[in-house]
Amino acid sequence: MELRGVDARVTTAGTHVVEHQPMSIRTREALRSIGVDAPLHRSRQVAESDIDSADLVIAMAADHVRWVRRRHPAAAPRTATLNWFAQNLEAGDAPLAGRVGALHLNEVDPDSQGDVPDPAGGDDNEYFTCARQIEELVDALVTRLG
């Protein structure tokens, strides 16, 4: 898949999900507002194989980082929030593994990494705000990935 000019394989999954559920109407509308249309998307619990094969394990919140560290400790050095990666991953052509390793992510307090606030239970505006924030962070991360 090409992600805004970067060749990447992106897998989405959650840490505590009821599998195979469609996204909410408000989520779907918020995503459409930023040009993402995924009418067939269904929820999926992250699998060990997802974690094992990932170069980056990107979480939305500190709780997700802690969950990965508990369940998959070997992935801790390549797990952080989207906000953290978007702000701290060194940009450039150096191999990704080295740039990620230089972050010493297993030593970074998840609470200092910056969450993307979950809009669940909020109003429509919170969903649209969340979608825009994710779009901005993904754009920043893609720029850093090169």
C-alpha atoms as a PDB file:
ATOM      1  CA  MET A   1       0.000   0.000   0.000  1.00  0.00           C
ATOM      2  CA  GLU A   2       1.221   3.494  -0.685  1.00  0.00           C
ATOM      3  CA  LEU A   3       0.598   5.792   2.251  1.00  0.00           C
ATOM      4  CA  ARG A   4       0.998   9.376   1.083  1.00  0.00           C
ATOM      5  CA  GLY A   5       4.094   8.560  -0.940  1.00  0.00           C
ATOM      6  CA  VAL A   6       5.577   5.946   1.406  1.00  0.00           C
ATOM      7  CA  ASP A   7       5.396   2.269   0.497  1.00  0.00           C
ATOM      8  CA  ALA A   8       4.067   0.588   3.642  1.00  0.00           C
ATOM      9  CA  ARG A   9       1.921  -2.235   4.916  1.00  0.00           C
ATOM     10  CA  VAL A  10      -0.511  -0.915   7.503  1.00  0.00           C
ATOM     11  CA  THR A  11      -2.510  -3.197   9.768  1.00  0.00           C
ATOM     12  CA  THR A  12      -5.083  -1.830  12.181  1.00  0.00           C
ATOM     13  CA  ALA A  13      -6.195  -3.639  15.295  1.00  0.00           C
ATOM     14  CA  GLY A  14      -7.195  -2.854  18.849  1.00  0.00           C
ATOM     15  CA  THR A  15      -6.103  -3.983  22.275  1.00  0.00           C
ATOM     16  CA  HIS A  16      -9.572  -4.640  23.757  1.00  0.00           C
ATOM     17  CA  VAL A  17     -12.154  -5.113  21.022  1.00  0.00           C
ATOM     18  CA  VAL A  18     -15.273  -7.027  20.226  1.00  0.00           C
ATOM     19  CA  GLU A  19     -14.234  -8.481  16.912  1.00  0.00           C
ATOM     20  CA  HIS A  20     -15.971  -8.050  13.560  1.00  0.00           C
ATOM     21  CA  GLN A  21     -18.038  -5.027  14.579  1.00  0.00           C
ATOM     22  CA  PRO A  22     -18.601  -2.233  12.051  1.00  0.00           C
ATOM     23  CA  MET A  23     -17.394   1.240  12.906  1.00  0.00           C
ATOM     24  CA  SER A  24     -19.925   3.677  14.269  1.00  0.00           C
ATOM     25  CA  ILE A  25     -21.743   6.047  11.956  1.00  0.00           C
ATOM     26  CA  ARG A  26     -20.026   9.013  13.624  1.00  0.00           C
ATOM     27  CA  THR A  27     -16.605   7.439  13.087  1.00  0.00           C
ATOM     28  CA  ARG A  28     -17.426   6.705   9.455  1.00  0.00           C
ATOM     29  CA  GLU A  29     -18.577  10.306   8.856  1.00  0.00           C
ATOM     30  CA  ALA A  30     -15.509  11.764  10.592  1.00  0.00           C
ATOM     31  CA  LEU A  31     -13.223   9.610   8.447  1.00  0.00           C
ATOM     32  CA  ARG A  32     -15.088  10.564   5.280  1.00  0.00           C
ATOM     33  CA  SER A  33     -14.514  14.217   6.182  1.00  0.00           C
ATOM     34  CA  ILE A  34     -10.761  13.624   5.773  1.00  0.00           C
ATOM     35  CA  GLY A  35     -11.113  11.515   2.640  1.00  0.00           C
ATOM     36  CA  VAL A  36     -11.100   8.023   4.131  1.00  0.00           C
ATOM     37  CA  ASP A  37     -13.946   5.731   3.116  1.00  0.00           C
ATOM     38  CA  ALA A  38     -13.852   2.214   4.547  1.00  0.00           C
ATOM     39  CA  PRO A  39     -17.445   0.938   4.602  1.00  0.00           C
ATOM     40  CA  LEU A  40     -16.414  -2.699   5.038  1.00  0.00           C
ATOM     41  CA  HIS A  41     -14.001  -2.113   7.941  1.00  0.00           C
ATOM     42  CA  ARG A  42     -14.582  -4.352  10.964  1.00  0.00           C
ATOM     43  CA  SER A  43     -12.962  -4.328  14.381  1.00  0.00           C
ATOM     44  CA  ARG A  44     -10.132  -6.774  15.015  1.00  0.00           C
ATOM     45  CA  GLN A  45      -8.114  -7.717  18.071  1.00  0.00           C
ATOM     46  CA  VAL A  46      -4.375  -7.328  17.561  1.00  0.00           C
ATOM     47  CA  ALA A  47      -2.676 -10.701  17.120  1.00  0.00           C
ATOM     48  CA  GLU A  48       0.788 -11.811  18.149  1.00  0.00           C
ATOM     49  CA  SER A  49       1.700 -12.170  14.476  1.00  0.00           C
ATOM     50  CA  ASP A  50       0.775  -8.503  13.908  1.00  0.00           C
ATOM     51  CA  ILE A  51       3.126  -7.421  16.686  1.00  0.00           C
ATOM     52  CA  ASP A  52       5.917  -9.781  15.655  1.00  0.00           C
ATOM     53  CA  SER A  53       5.939  -8.629  12.026  1.00  0.00           C
ATOM     54  CA  ALA A  54       5.649  -4.884  12.690  1.00  0.00           C
ATOM     55  CA  ASP A  55       8.547  -2.473  12.275  1.00  0.00           C
ATOM     56  CA  LEU A  56       6.538   0.022  14.335  1.00  0.00           C
ATOM     57  CA  VAL A  57       3.730  -0.675  16.775  1.00  0.00           C
ATOM     58  CA  ILE A  58       1.753   2.539  16.842  1.00  0.00           C
ATOM     59  CA  ALA A  59      -0.678   3.145  19.671  1.00  0.00           C
ATOM     60  CA  MET A  60      -3.246   5.870  20.118  1.00  0.00           C
ATOM     61  CA  ALA A  61      -2.803   6.149  23.885  1.00  0.00           C
ATOM     62  CA  ALA A  62      -0.474   5.395  26.787  1.00  0.00           C
ATOM     63  CA  ASP A  63      -2.752   2.571  27.959  1.00  0.00           C
ATOM     64  CA  HIS A  64      -2.221   0.816  24.629  1.00  0.00           C
ATOM     65  CA  VAL A  65       1.564   1.167  24.925  1.00  0.00           C
ATOM     66  CA  ARG A  66       1.422  -0.361  28.417  1.00  0.00           C
ATOM     67  CA  TRP A  67      -0.760  -3.202  27.115  1.00  0.00           C
ATOM     68  CA  VAL A  68       1.777  -4.024  24.366  1.00  0.00           C
ATOM     69  CA  ARG A  69       4.646  -3.877  26.861  1.00  0.00           C
ATOM     70  CA  ARG A  70       2.857  -6.309  29.196  1.00  0.00           C
ATOM     71  CA  ARG A  71       1.687  -8.754  26.539  1.00  0.00           C
ATOM     72  CA  HIS A  72       4.565  -8.460  24.052  1.00  0.00           C
ATOM     73  CA  PRO A  73       7.662  -7.232  25.920  1.00  0.00           C
ATOM     74  CA  ALA A  74       9.947  -7.891  22.948  1.00  0.00           C
ATOM     75  CA  ALA A  75       8.007  -5.230  21.015  1.00  0.00           C
ATOM     76  CA  ALA A  76       8.538  -2.499  23.645  1.00  0.00           C
ATOM     77  CA  PRO A  77      11.576  -1.008  21.826  1.00  0.00           C
ATOM     78  CA  ARG A  78       9.427  -0.324  18.730  1.00  0.00           C
ATOM     79  CA  THR A  79       6.144   0.653  20.394  1.00  0.00           C
ATOM     80  CA  ALA A  80       4.991   4.219  21.042  1.00  0.00           C
ATOM     81  CA  THR A  81       2.019   6.465  20.514  1.00  0.00           C
ATOM     82  CA  LEU A  82       1.326   8.000  17.135  1.00  0.00           C
ATOM     83  CA  ASN A  83       1.960  11.400  18.690  1.00  0.00           C
ATOM     84  CA  TRP A  84       5.416  10.323  19.953  1.00  0.00           C
ATOM     85  CA  PHE A  85       6.505   8.830  16.635  1.00  0.00           C
ATOM     86  CA  ALA A  86       5.215  11.867  14.711  1.00  0.00           C
ATOM     87  CA  GLN A  87       7.261  14.210  16.894  1.00  0.00           C
ATOM     88  CA  ASN A  88      10.380  12.197  17.719  1.00  0.00           C
ATOM     89  CA  LEU A  89      11.257   9.709  14.986  1.00  0.00           C
ATOM     90  CA  GLU A  90      14.339  11.019  13.213  1.00  0.00           C
ATOM     91  CA  ALA A  91      13.601  11.813   9.594  1.00  0.00           C
ATOM     92  CA  GLY A  92      15.947  10.624   6.893  1.00  0.00           C
ATOM     93  CA  ASP A  93      17.146   7.735   4.824  1.00  0.00           C
ATOM     94  CA  ALA A  94      18.920   5.808   7.595  1.00  0.00           C
ATOM     95  CA  PRO A  95      17.448   2.345   8.214  1.00  0.00           C
ATOM     96  CA  LEU A  96      14.201   2.547  10.166  1.00  0.00           C
ATOM     97  CA  ALA A  97      15.291  -0.024  12.758  1.00  0.00           C
ATOM     98  CA  GLY A  98      18.257   2.118  13.750  1.00  0.00           C
ATOM     99  CA  ARG A  99      16.187   5.296  13.968  1.00  0.00           C
ATOM    100  CA  VAL A 100      13.583   3.530  16.101  1.00  0.00           C
ATOM    101  CA  GLY A 101      16.254   1.931  18.292  1.00  0.00           C
ATOM    102  CA  ALA A 102      17.794   5.346  18.965  1.00  0.00           C
ATOM    103  CA  LEU A 103      14.534   6.415  20.633  1.00  0.00           C
ATOM    104  CA  HIS A 104      14.972   3.864  23.479  1.00  0.00           C
ATOM    105  CA  LEU A 105      11.197   3.506  23.567  1.00  0.00           C
ATOM    106  CA  ASN A 106      11.196   0.845  26.271  1.00  0.00           C
ATOM    107  CA  GLU A 107      12.567   3.554  28.602  1.00  0.00           C
ATOM    108  CA  VAL A 108      10.068   6.276  27.649  1.00  0.00           C
ATOM    109  CA  ASP A 109       7.170   6.740  30.076  1.00  0.00           C
ATOM    110  CA  PRO A 110       3.971   6.076  28.108  1.00  0.00           C
ATOM    111  CA  ASP A 111       2.235   8.906  29.964  1.00  0.00           C
ATOM    112  CA  SER A 112       4.698  11.380  28.428  1.00  0.00           C
ATOM    113  CA  GLN A 113       4.041  10.241  24.850  1.00  0.00           C
ATOM    114  CA  GLY A 114       0.772  12.063  24.184  1.00  0.00           C
ATOM    115  CA  ASP A 115      -2.578  10.399  23.582  1.00  0.00           C
ATOM    116  CA  VAL A 116      -5.025  10.865  20.763  1.00  0.00           C
ATOM    117  CA  PRO A 117      -8.198  11.430  22.804  1.00  0.00           C
ATOM    118  CA  ASP A 118     -10.831   8.763  22.213  1.00  0.00           C
ATOM    119  CA  PRO A 119     -14.037  10.469  21.040  1.00  0.00           C
ATOM    120  CA  ALA A 120     -16.280   7.588  22.191  1.00  0.00           C
ATOM    121  CA  GLY A 121     -19.211   8.990  24.099  1.00  0.00           C
ATOM    122  CA  GLY A 122     -18.530  12.508  22.834  1.00  0.00           C
ATOM    123  CA  ASP A 123     -20.391  14.663  20.365  1.00  0.00           C
ATOM    124  CA  ASP A 124     -19.935  14.738  16.586  1.00  0.00           C
ATOM    125  CA  ASN A 125     -17.382  17.539  16.806  1.00  0.00           C
ATOM    126  CA  GLU A 126     -15.105  15.379  18.974  1.00  0.00           C
ATOM    127  CA  TYR A 127     -15.133  12.679  16.275  1.00  0.00           C
ATOM    128  CA  PHE A 128     -14.248  15.185  13.550  1.00  0.00           C
ATOM    129  CA  THR A 129     -11.525  16.725  15.727  1.00  0.00           C
ATOM    130  CA  CYS A 130     -10.056  13.277  16.410  1.00  0.00           C
ATOM    131  CA  ALA A 131     -10.047  12.369  12.715  1.00  0.00           C
ATOM    132  CA  ARG A 132      -8.249  15.618  11.831  1.00  0.00           C
ATOM    133  CA  GLN A 133      -5.707  15.074  14.602  1.00  0.00           C
ATOM    134  CA  ILE A 134      -4.961  11.552  13.398  1.00  0.00           C
ATOM    135  CA  GLU A 135      -4.631  12.822   9.822  1.00  0.00           C
ATOM    136  CA  GLU A 136      -2.139  15.499  10.905  1.00  0.00           C
ATOM    137  CA  LEU A 137      -0.102  13.045  12.977  1.00  0.00           C
ATOM    138  CA  VAL A 138      -0.028  10.456  10.180  1.00  0.00           C
ATOM    139  CA  ASP A 139       1.128  13.128   7.732  1.00  0.00           C
ATOM    140  CA  ALA A 140       3.907  14.134  10.143  1.00  0.00           C
ATOM    141  CA  LEU A 141       4.953  10.511  10.653  1.00  0.00           C
ATOM    142  CA  VAL A 142       4.949   9.769   6.918  1.00  0.00           C
ATOM    143  CA  THR A 143       7.238  12.770   6.398  1.00  0.00           C
ATOM    144  CA  ARG A 144       9.623  11.362   9.001  1.00  0.00           C
ATOM    145  CA  LEU A 145       9.487   7.877   7.507  1.00  0.00           C
ATOM    146  CA  GLY A 146      10.652   9.344   4.188  1.00  0.00           C
END
